[in-house]
Amino acid sequence: MLAYEALGEHCVNALHTQRFGLHPLAEVGQSMQIEADRALSVALDK
């Protein structure tokens, strides 16, 4: 469950970053996908 909470927080941070134009949307999307994959693998390992 903690993995999903961390993922949600990361998504909010990524959207916040994207809104203020600090990173291109594609880069934010890619980092979100990487974090999602990592969180999912951690959740499945437990």
PDB file of N, CA and C in Angstrom:
ATOM      1  N   MET A   1       0.831  -1.206   0.000  1.00  0.00           N
ATOM      2  CA  MET A   1       0.000   0.000   0.000  1.00  0.00           C
ATOM      3  C   MET A   1       0.867   1.257   0.000  1.00  0.00           C
ATOM      4  N   LEU A   2       1.982   1.206   0.715  1.00  0.00           N
ATOM      5  CA  LEU A   2       2.877   2.362   0.762  1.00  0.00           C
ATOM      6  C   LEU A   2       3.416   2.699  -0.616  1.00  0.00           C
ATOM      7  N   ALA A   3       3.636   1.667  -1.433  1.00  0.00           N
ATOM      8  CA  ALA A   3       4.145   1.917  -2.782  1.00  0.00           C
ATOM      9  C   ALA A   3       3.152   2.752  -3.580  1.00  0.00           C
ATOM     10  N   TYR A   4       1.872   2.464  -3.433  1.00  0.00           N
ATOM     11  CA  TYR A   4       0.852   3.227  -4.162  1.00  0.00           C
ATOM     12  C   TYR A   4       0.769   4.663  -3.650  1.00  0.00           C
ATOM     13  N   GLU A   5       0.927   4.856  -2.340  1.00  0.00           N
ATOM     14  CA  GLU A   5       0.899   6.206  -1.778  1.00  0.00           C
ATOM     15  C   GLU A   5       2.093   7.018  -2.286  1.00  0.00           C
ATOM     16  N   ALA A   6       3.261   6.390  -2.313  1.00  0.00           N
ATOM     17  CA  ALA A   6       4.461   7.067  -2.813  1.00  0.00           C
ATOM     18  C   ALA A   6       4.299   7.406  -4.291  1.00  0.00           C
ATOM     19  N   LEU A   7       3.705   6.478  -5.046  1.00  0.00           N
ATOM     20  CA  LEU A   7       3.471   6.717  -6.472  1.00  0.00           C
ATOM     21  C   LEU A   7       2.523   7.887  -6.677  1.00  0.00           C
ATOM     22  N   GLY A   8       1.459   7.941  -5.888  1.00  0.00           N
ATOM     23  CA  GLY A   8       0.514   9.048  -5.997  1.00  0.00           C
ATOM     24  C   GLY A   8       1.177  10.382  -5.705  1.00  0.00           C
ATOM     25  N   GLU A   9       2.021  10.395  -4.676  1.00  0.00           N
ATOM     26  CA  GLU A   9       2.731  11.628  -4.328  1.00  0.00           C
ATOM     27  C   GLU A   9       3.665  12.042  -5.457  1.00  0.00           C
ATOM     28  N   HIS A  10       4.336  11.056  -6.056  1.00  0.00           N
ATOM     29  CA  HIS A  10       5.241  11.367  -7.170  1.00  0.00           C
ATOM     30  C   HIS A  10       4.468  11.933  -8.360  1.00  0.00           C
ATOM     31  N   CYS A  11       3.310  11.355  -8.638  1.00  0.00           N
ATOM     32  CA  CYS A  11       2.495  11.841  -9.755  1.00  0.00           C
ATOM     33  C   CYS A  11       2.079  13.291  -9.524  1.00  0.00           C
ATOM     34  N   VAL A  12       1.678  13.617  -8.298  1.00  0.00           N
ATOM     35  CA  VAL A  12       1.296  14.991  -7.969  1.00  0.00           C
ATOM     36  C   VAL A  12       2.489  15.917  -8.168  1.00  0.00           C
ATOM     37  N   ASN A  13       3.666  15.486  -7.689  1.00  0.00           N
ATOM     38  CA  ASN A  13       4.871  16.300  -7.845  1.00  0.00           C
ATOM     39  C   ASN A  13       5.223  16.490  -9.318  1.00  0.00           C
ATOM     40  N   ALA A  14       5.080  15.432 -10.110  1.00  0.00           N
ATOM     41  CA  ALA A  14       5.406  15.502 -11.534  1.00  0.00           C
ATOM     42  C   ALA A  14       4.442  16.446 -12.259  1.00  0.00           C
ATOM     43  N   LEU A  15       3.159  16.366 -11.917  1.00  0.00           N
ATOM     44  CA  LEU A  15       2.177  17.249 -12.545  1.00  0.00           C
ATOM     45  C   LEU A  15       2.422  18.698 -12.143  1.00  0.00           C
ATOM     46  N   HIS A  16       2.787  18.909 -10.888  1.00  0.00           N
ATOM     47  CA  HIS A  16       3.093  20.249 -10.398  1.00  0.00           C
ATOM     48  C   HIS A  16       4.294  20.822 -11.161  1.00  0.00           C
ATOM     49  N   THR A  17       5.322  19.975 -11.336  1.00  0.00           N
ATOM     50  CA  THR A  17       6.522  20.383 -12.071  1.00  0.00           C
ATOM     51  C   THR A  17       6.168  20.723 -13.514  1.00  0.00           C
ATOM     52  N   GLN A  18       5.349  19.865 -14.129  1.00  0.00           N
ATOM     53  CA  GLN A  18       4.970  20.069 -15.534  1.00  0.00           C
ATOM     54  C   GLN A  18       4.161  21.347 -15.699  1.00  0.00           C
ATOM     55  N   ARG A  19       3.290  21.635 -14.737  1.00  0.00           N
ATOM     56  CA  ARG A  19       2.435  22.817 -14.811  1.00  0.00           C
ATOM     57  C   ARG A  19       3.278  24.092 -14.840  1.00  0.00           C
ATOM     58  N   PHE A  20       4.377  24.093 -14.104  1.00  0.00           N
ATOM     59  CA  PHE A  20       5.215  25.289 -14.039  1.00  0.00           C
ATOM     60  C   PHE A  20       6.339  25.290 -15.070  1.00  0.00           C
ATOM     61  N   GLY A  21       6.308  24.295 -15.958  1.00  0.00           N
ATOM     62  CA  GLY A  21       7.199  24.313 -17.112  1.00  0.00           C
ATOM     63  C   GLY A  21       8.660  24.041 -16.814  1.00  0.00           C
ATOM     64  N   LEU A  22       8.947  23.333 -15.717  1.00  0.00           N
ATOM     65  CA  LEU A  22      10.342  23.063 -15.391  1.00  0.00           C
ATOM     66  C   LEU A  22      10.897  21.908 -16.221  1.00  0.00           C
ATOM     67  N   HIS A  23       9.994  21.041 -16.678  1.00  0.00           N
ATOM     68  CA  HIS A  23      10.401  19.908 -17.511  1.00  0.00           C
ATOM     69  C   HIS A  23       9.385  19.746 -18.631  1.00  0.00           C
ATOM     70  N   PRO A  24       9.842  19.293 -19.789  1.00  0.00           N
ATOM     71  CA  PRO A  24       8.885  18.978 -20.864  1.00  0.00           C
ATOM     72  C   PRO A  24       7.931  17.865 -20.405  1.00  0.00           C
ATOM     73  N   LEU A  25       6.729  17.911 -20.927  1.00  0.00           N
ATOM     74  CA  LEU A  25       5.717  16.927 -20.533  1.00  0.00           C
ATOM     75  C   LEU A  25       6.185  15.499 -20.787  1.00  0.00           C
ATOM     76  N   ALA A  26       6.855  15.259 -21.907  1.00  0.00           N
ATOM     77  CA  ALA A  26       7.312  13.902 -22.223  1.00  0.00           C
ATOM     78  C   ALA A  26       8.295  13.394 -21.172  1.00  0.00           C
ATOM     79  N   GLU A  27       9.164  14.290 -20.708  1.00  0.00           N
ATOM     80  CA  GLU A  27      10.145  13.887 -19.692  1.00  0.00           C
ATOM     81  C   GLU A  27       9.449  13.551 -18.382  1.00  0.00           C
ATOM     82  N   VAL A  28       8.454  14.357 -18.007  1.00  0.00           N
ATOM     83  CA  VAL A  28       7.684  14.090 -16.797  1.00  0.00           C
ATOM     84  C   VAL A  28       6.954  12.757 -16.927  1.00  0.00           C
ATOM     85  N   GLY A  29       6.330  12.523 -18.078  1.00  0.00           N
ATOM     86  CA  GLY A  29       5.622  11.265 -18.303  1.00  0.00           C
ATOM     87  C   GLY A  29       6.552  10.070 -18.205  1.00  0.00           C
ATOM     88  N   GLN A  30       7.754  10.221 -18.760  1.00  0.00           N
ATOM     89  CA  GLN A  30       8.717   9.120 -18.718  1.00  0.00           C
ATOM     90  C   GLN A  30       9.151   8.837 -17.282  1.00  0.00           C
ATOM     91  N   SER A  31       9.417   9.889 -16.515  1.00  0.00           N
ATOM     92  CA  SER A  31       9.833   9.690 -15.124  1.00  0.00           C
ATOM     93  C   SER A  31       8.696   9.073 -14.310  1.00  0.00           C
ATOM     94  N   MET A  32       7.448   9.464 -14.605  1.00  0.00           N
ATOM     95  CA  MET A  32       6.297   8.872 -13.916  1.00  0.00           C
ATOM     96  C   MET A  32       6.198   7.385 -14.245  1.00  0.00           C
ATOM     97  N   GLN A  33       6.447   7.015 -15.508  1.00  0.00           N
ATOM     98  CA  GLN A  33       6.392   5.612 -15.904  1.00  0.00           C
ATOM     99  C   GLN A  33       7.478   4.803 -15.201  1.00  0.00           C
ATOM    100  N   ILE A  34       8.674   5.378 -15.106  1.00  0.00           N
ATOM    101  CA  ILE A  34       9.773   4.700 -14.415  1.00  0.00           C
ATOM    102  C   ILE A  34       9.410   4.477 -12.950  1.00  0.00           C
ATOM    103  N   GLU A  35       8.877   5.512 -12.314  1.00  0.00           N
ATOM    104  CA  GLU A  35       8.484   5.390 -10.907  1.00  0.00           C
ATOM    105  C   GLU A  35       7.345   4.393 -10.732  1.00  0.00           C
ATOM    106  N   ALA A  36       6.410   4.373 -11.669  1.00  0.00           N
ATOM    107  CA  ALA A  36       5.298   3.425 -11.593  1.00  0.00           C
ATOM    108  C   ALA A  36       5.816   1.994 -11.690  1.00  0.00           C
ATOM    109  N   ASP A  37       6.734   1.757 -12.622  1.00  0.00           N
ATOM    110  CA  ASP A  37       7.313   0.422 -12.775  1.00  0.00           C
ATOM    111  C   ASP A  37       8.053   0.003 -11.516  1.00  0.00           C
ATOM    112  N   ARG A  38       8.804   0.934 -10.932  1.00  0.00           N
ATOM    113  CA  ARG A  38       9.572   0.630  -9.717  1.00  0.00           C
ATOM    114  C   ARG A  38       8.631   0.327  -8.556  1.00  0.00           C
ATOM    115  N   ALA A  39       7.602   1.157  -8.389  1.00  0.00           N
ATOM    116  CA  ALA A  39       6.656   0.956  -7.290  1.00  0.00           C
ATOM    117  C   ALA A  39       5.913  -0.365  -7.451  1.00  0.00           C
ATOM    118  N   LEU A  40       5.562  -0.690  -8.678  1.00  0.00           N
ATOM    119  CA  LEU A  40       4.844  -1.942  -8.922  1.00  0.00           C
ATOM    120  C   LEU A  40       5.727  -3.142  -8.617  1.00  0.00           C
ATOM    121  N   SER A  41       6.983  -3.100  -9.031  1.00  0.00           N
ATOM    122  CA  SER A  41       7.881  -4.226  -8.769  1.00  0.00           C
ATOM    123  C   SER A  41       8.123  -4.391  -7.269  1.00  0.00           C
ATOM    124  N   VAL A  42       8.227  -3.273  -6.539  1.00  0.00           N
ATOM    125  CA  VAL A  42       8.388  -3.343  -5.086  1.00  0.00           C
ATOM    126  C   VAL A  42       7.141  -3.951  -4.448  1.00  0.00           C
ATOM    127  N   ALA A  43       5.967  -3.516  -4.905  1.00  0.00           N
ATOM    128  CA  ALA A  43       4.713  -4.022  -4.340  1.00  0.00           C
ATOM    129  C   ALA A  43       4.559  -5.516  -4.610  1.00  0.00           C
ATOM    130  N   LEU A  44       4.976  -5.968  -5.792  1.00  0.00           N
ATOM    131  CA  LEU A  44       4.839  -7.383  -6.140  1.00  0.00           C
ATOM    132  C   LEU A  44       5.852  -8.258  -5.411  1.00  0.00           C
ATOM    133  N   ASP A  45       6.980  -7.688  -5.025  1.00  0.00           N
ATOM    134  CA  ASP A  45       7.998  -8.459  -4.308  1.00  0.00           C
ATOM    135  C   ASP A  45       7.565  -8.795  -2.889  1.00  0.00           C
ATOM    136  N   LYS A  46       6.638  -8.004  -2.333  1.00  0.00           N
ATOM    137  CA  LYS A  46       6.249  -8.217  -0.932  1.00  0.00           C
ATOM    138  C   LYS A  46       5.095  -9.183  -0.808  1.00  0.00           C
TER     139      LYS A  46
END
